[in-house]
């Protein structure tokens, strides 16, 4: 299957004490990465990468599939999650 992989976010999440302006700016940056699939009618899954907290914070990846490949994309992401989780054990 052909799957496009891209980051879910462009950087770490805003701090809890971030200003409303900083939070709005981060929201726009996230939407720039994630809205294309929805606008194009493509299935997209965003998932946290297990163990990424040890790399300085949670890391999320988005996976985008071809039109109509929803079930295939779910299968790919479930398999990837199983492989990555097994490597942590």
N, C-alpha and C. Protein backbone atom coordinates (compact mmCIF):
# COMPACT_ATOMS: atom_id res chain seq x y z
N UNK A 1 0.83 -1.20 0.00
CA UNK A 1 0.00 0.00 0.00
C UNK A 1 0.87 1.26 0.00
N UNK A 2 0.38 2.26 -0.63
CA UNK A 2 1.08 3.55 -0.64
C UNK A 2 0.48 4.43 0.44
N UNK A 3 1.35 4.86 1.34
CA UNK A 3 0.92 5.69 2.46
C UNK A 3 1.88 6.86 2.59
N UNK A 4 1.34 8.04 2.70
CA UNK A 4 2.14 9.23 2.95
C UNK A 4 2.26 9.42 4.45
N UNK A 5 3.47 9.61 4.94
CA UNK A 5 3.70 9.83 6.36
C UNK A 5 4.24 11.24 6.55
N UNK A 6 3.66 11.98 7.49
CA UNK A 6 4.14 13.31 7.78
C UNK A 6 3.92 13.61 9.25
N UNK A 7 4.63 14.58 9.79
CA UNK A 7 4.43 14.89 11.21
C UNK A 7 3.03 15.44 11.45
N UNK A 8 2.48 15.13 12.60
CA UNK A 8 1.17 15.67 12.96
C UNK A 8 1.31 17.13 13.37
N UNK A 9 2.39 17.44 14.06
CA UNK A 9 2.64 18.81 14.52
C UNK A 9 4.02 19.25 14.06
N UNK A 10 4.18 20.55 13.97
CA UNK A 10 5.46 21.09 13.51
C UNK A 10 6.48 21.23 14.64
N UNK A 11 6.06 20.99 15.85
CA UNK A 11 6.95 21.12 17.00
C UNK A 11 6.26 20.66 18.26
N UNK A 12 6.89 20.91 19.39
CA UNK A 12 6.28 20.49 20.66
C UNK A 12 5.00 21.27 20.94
N UNK A 13 4.14 20.72 21.79
CA UNK A 13 2.90 21.43 22.13
C UNK A 13 3.20 22.70 22.89
N UNK A 14 2.28 23.65 22.86
CA UNK A 14 2.50 24.88 23.64
C UNK A 14 2.51 24.56 25.13
N UNK A 15 3.22 25.38 25.85
CA UNK A 15 3.28 25.22 27.31
C UNK A 15 1.91 25.49 27.92
N UNK A 16 1.69 24.95 29.10
CA UNK A 16 0.40 25.15 29.78
C UNK A 16 0.14 26.62 30.06
N UNK A 17 1.21 27.39 30.25
CA UNK A 17 1.03 28.82 30.53
C UNK A 17 1.15 29.68 29.27
N UNK A 18 1.04 29.07 28.10
CA UNK A 18 1.16 29.80 26.84
C UNK A 18 0.01 30.80 26.69
N UNK A 19 0.30 31.86 26.01
CA UNK A 19 -0.73 32.88 25.77
C UNK A 19 -1.74 32.37 24.74
N UNK A 20 -2.88 33.01 24.72
CA UNK A 20 -3.91 32.64 23.74
C UNK A 20 -3.37 32.83 22.32
N UNK A 21 -2.54 33.82 22.12
CA UNK A 21 -1.95 34.07 20.80
C UNK A 21 -1.02 32.92 20.40
N UNK A 22 -0.20 32.44 21.33
CA UNK A 22 0.71 31.32 21.04
C UNK A 22 -0.08 30.05 20.72
N UNK A 23 -1.15 29.81 21.46
CA UNK A 23 -1.97 28.63 21.22
C UNK A 23 -2.64 28.72 19.85
N UNK A 24 -3.14 29.88 19.50
CA UNK A 24 -3.78 30.07 18.19
C UNK A 24 -2.76 29.87 17.07
N UNK A 25 -1.54 30.36 17.27
CA UNK A 25 -0.48 30.19 16.26
C UNK A 25 -0.16 28.70 16.07
N UNK A 26 -0.07 27.96 17.16
CA UNK A 26 0.21 26.52 17.07
C UNK A 26 -0.93 25.79 16.38
N UNK A 27 -2.15 26.18 16.67
CA UNK A 27 -3.32 25.56 16.03
C UNK A 27 -3.25 25.74 14.52
N UNK A 28 -2.90 26.91 14.08
CA UNK A 28 -2.78 27.18 12.64
C UNK A 28 -1.68 26.30 12.03
N UNK A 29 -0.57 26.17 12.72
CA UNK A 29 0.54 25.34 12.21
C UNK A 29 0.11 23.88 12.09
N UNK A 30 -0.64 23.38 13.06
CA UNK A 30 -1.12 21.99 13.00
C UNK A 30 -2.09 21.82 11.84
N UNK A 31 -3.01 22.76 11.69
CA UNK A 31 -3.98 22.67 10.60
C UNK A 31 -3.32 22.69 9.23
N UNK A 32 -2.22 23.43 9.10
CA UNK A 32 -1.50 23.46 7.82
C UNK A 32 -0.99 22.07 7.44
N UNK A 33 -0.65 21.26 8.44
CA UNK A 33 -0.15 19.91 8.17
C UNK A 33 -1.27 18.89 8.00
N UNK A 34 -2.39 19.11 8.67
CA UNK A 34 -3.41 18.06 8.72
C UNK A 34 -4.64 18.30 7.84
N UNK A 35 -4.87 19.52 7.39
CA UNK A 35 -6.12 19.79 6.68
C UNK A 35 -6.12 19.31 5.23
N UNK A 36 -4.97 19.12 4.63
CA UNK A 36 -4.91 18.77 3.21
C UNK A 36 -5.65 17.45 2.93
N UNK A 37 -5.46 16.46 3.78
CA UNK A 37 -6.11 15.17 3.56
C UNK A 37 -7.64 15.31 3.61
N UNK A 38 -8.12 16.03 4.60
CA UNK A 38 -9.56 16.22 4.72
C UNK A 38 -10.14 16.98 3.55
N UNK A 39 -9.44 18.00 3.11
CA UNK A 39 -9.93 18.79 1.98
C UNK A 39 -9.91 17.98 0.69
N UNK A 40 -8.97 17.03 0.58
CA UNK A 40 -8.87 16.20 -0.61
C UNK A 40 -9.72 14.95 -0.53
N UNK A 41 -10.37 14.72 0.61
CA UNK A 41 -11.19 13.53 0.77
C UNK A 41 -10.39 12.26 0.97
N UNK A 42 -9.19 12.39 1.54
CA UNK A 42 -8.32 11.23 1.76
C UNK A 42 -8.39 10.79 3.22
N UNK A 43 -8.30 9.49 3.47
CA UNK A 43 -8.28 9.03 4.87
C UNK A 43 -6.95 9.41 5.53
N UNK A 44 -7.03 9.80 6.78
CA UNK A 44 -5.83 10.18 7.53
C UNK A 44 -5.95 9.69 8.96
N UNK A 45 -4.86 9.16 9.48
CA UNK A 45 -4.79 8.74 10.87
C UNK A 45 -3.59 9.44 11.50
N UNK A 46 -3.81 10.03 12.65
CA UNK A 46 -2.72 10.60 13.43
C UNK A 46 -2.55 9.72 14.65
N UNK A 47 -1.34 9.27 14.88
CA UNK A 47 -1.12 8.38 16.03
C UNK A 47 0.15 8.77 16.77
N UNK A 48 0.13 8.62 18.09
CA UNK A 48 1.35 8.87 18.86
C UNK A 48 2.33 7.72 18.62
N UNK A 49 3.59 8.04 18.63
CA UNK A 49 4.61 7.03 18.47
C UNK A 49 5.02 6.54 19.85
N UNK A 50 4.81 5.24 20.13
CA UNK A 50 5.14 4.71 21.46
C UNK A 50 6.60 4.97 21.82
N UNK A 51 6.80 5.41 23.05
CA UNK A 51 8.16 5.64 23.54
C UNK A 51 8.72 7.00 23.18
N UNK A 52 7.97 7.81 22.44
CA UNK A 52 8.51 9.09 22.01
C UNK A 52 8.68 10.08 23.16
N UNK A 53 8.04 9.82 24.30
CA UNK A 53 8.21 10.70 25.45
C UNK A 53 9.67 10.72 25.90
N UNK A 54 10.38 9.64 25.67
CA UNK A 54 11.80 9.60 26.05
C UNK A 54 12.66 10.40 25.08
N UNK A 55 12.09 10.85 23.98
CA UNK A 55 12.82 11.64 22.99
C UNK A 55 12.53 13.13 23.16
N UNK A 56 12.02 13.52 24.30
CA UNK A 56 11.78 14.94 24.55
C UNK A 56 10.33 15.36 24.47
N UNK A 57 9.43 14.44 24.38
CA UNK A 57 8.01 14.77 24.34
C UNK A 57 7.28 13.86 23.39
N UNK A 58 5.97 13.88 23.46
CA UNK A 58 5.22 13.01 22.56
C UNK A 58 5.41 13.43 21.10
N UNK A 59 5.58 12.44 20.26
CA UNK A 59 5.72 12.68 18.83
C UNK A 59 4.54 11.99 18.14
N UNK A 60 3.87 12.72 17.29
CA UNK A 60 2.77 12.15 16.54
C UNK A 60 3.07 12.15 15.06
N UNK A 61 2.67 11.09 14.40
CA UNK A 61 2.82 11.01 12.96
C UNK A 61 1.44 10.83 12.33
N UNK A 62 1.25 11.45 11.20
CA UNK A 62 0.02 11.29 10.43
C UNK A 62 0.31 10.41 9.22
N UNK A 63 -0.65 9.57 8.92
CA UNK A 63 -0.55 8.67 7.78
C UNK A 63 -1.75 8.94 6.89
N UNK A 64 -1.49 9.20 5.62
CA UNK A 64 -2.54 9.54 4.66
C UNK A 64 -2.57 8.46 3.59
N UNK A 65 -3.76 7.97 3.30
CA UNK A 65 -3.92 6.93 2.29
C UNK A 65 -4.61 7.45 1.05
N UNK A 66 -4.69 6.61 0.06
CA UNK A 66 -5.36 6.92 -1.19
C UNK A 66 -6.87 6.96 -0.98
N UNK A 67 -7.60 7.56 -1.88
CA UNK A 67 -9.06 7.57 -1.76
C UNK A 67 -9.61 6.14 -1.63
N UNK A 68 -10.49 5.95 -0.66
CA UNK A 68 -11.12 4.64 -0.48
C UNK A 68 -10.26 3.61 0.23
N UNK A 69 -9.09 3.99 0.73
CA UNK A 69 -8.20 3.02 1.36
C UNK A 69 -8.29 3.04 2.88
N UNK A 70 -9.44 3.41 3.40
CA UNK A 70 -9.61 3.57 4.85
C UNK A 70 -9.21 2.31 5.63
N UNK A 71 -9.77 1.18 5.24
CA UNK A 71 -9.49 -0.07 5.96
C UNK A 71 -8.02 -0.46 5.83
N UNK A 72 -7.47 -0.27 4.66
CA UNK A 72 -6.06 -0.59 4.44
C UNK A 72 -5.17 0.31 5.31
N UNK A 73 -5.52 1.58 5.40
CA UNK A 73 -4.75 2.51 6.24
C UNK A 73 -4.85 2.12 7.71
N UNK A 74 -6.04 1.72 8.15
CA UNK A 74 -6.19 1.24 9.53
C UNK A 74 -5.30 0.02 9.79
N UNK A 75 -5.26 -0.89 8.84
CA UNK A 75 -4.43 -2.09 8.97
C UNK A 75 -2.95 -1.74 9.06
N UNK A 76 -2.50 -0.84 8.19
CA UNK A 76 -1.10 -0.42 8.19
C UNK A 76 -0.72 0.20 9.53
N UNK A 77 -1.57 1.09 10.03
CA UNK A 77 -1.27 1.77 11.30
C UNK A 77 -1.32 0.81 12.49
N UNK A 78 -2.26 -0.13 12.47
CA UNK A 78 -2.32 -1.12 13.54
C UNK A 78 -1.07 -1.99 13.54
N UNK A 79 -0.62 -2.40 12.37
CA UNK A 79 0.60 -3.19 12.28
C UNK A 79 1.81 -2.40 12.75
N UNK A 80 1.90 -1.14 12.34
CA UNK A 80 3.01 -0.29 12.76
C UNK A 80 3.01 -0.11 14.27
N UNK A 81 1.85 0.13 14.84
CA UNK A 81 1.76 0.30 16.28
C UNK A 81 2.22 -0.97 17.00
N UNK A 82 1.84 -2.13 16.48
CA UNK A 82 2.26 -3.39 17.09
C UNK A 82 3.76 -3.57 17.03
N UNK A 83 4.36 -3.24 15.91
CA UNK A 83 5.81 -3.38 15.75
C UNK A 83 6.54 -2.42 16.69
N UNK A 84 6.11 -1.17 16.72
CA UNK A 84 6.79 -0.18 17.56
C UNK A 84 6.61 -0.49 19.04
N UNK A 85 5.43 -0.94 19.44
CA UNK A 85 5.18 -1.28 20.84
C UNK A 85 6.02 -2.48 21.25
N UNK A 86 6.17 -3.46 20.36
CA UNK A 86 6.95 -4.67 20.67
C UNK A 86 8.42 -4.31 20.86
N UNK A 87 8.91 -3.33 20.15
CA UNK A 87 10.31 -2.94 20.27
C UNK A 87 10.61 -2.30 21.62
N UNK A 88 9.58 -1.79 22.29
CA UNK A 88 9.77 -1.15 23.59
C UNK A 88 9.84 -2.16 24.72
N UNK A 89 9.37 -3.36 24.47
CA UNK A 89 9.33 -4.38 25.53
C UNK A 89 10.70 -4.98 25.77
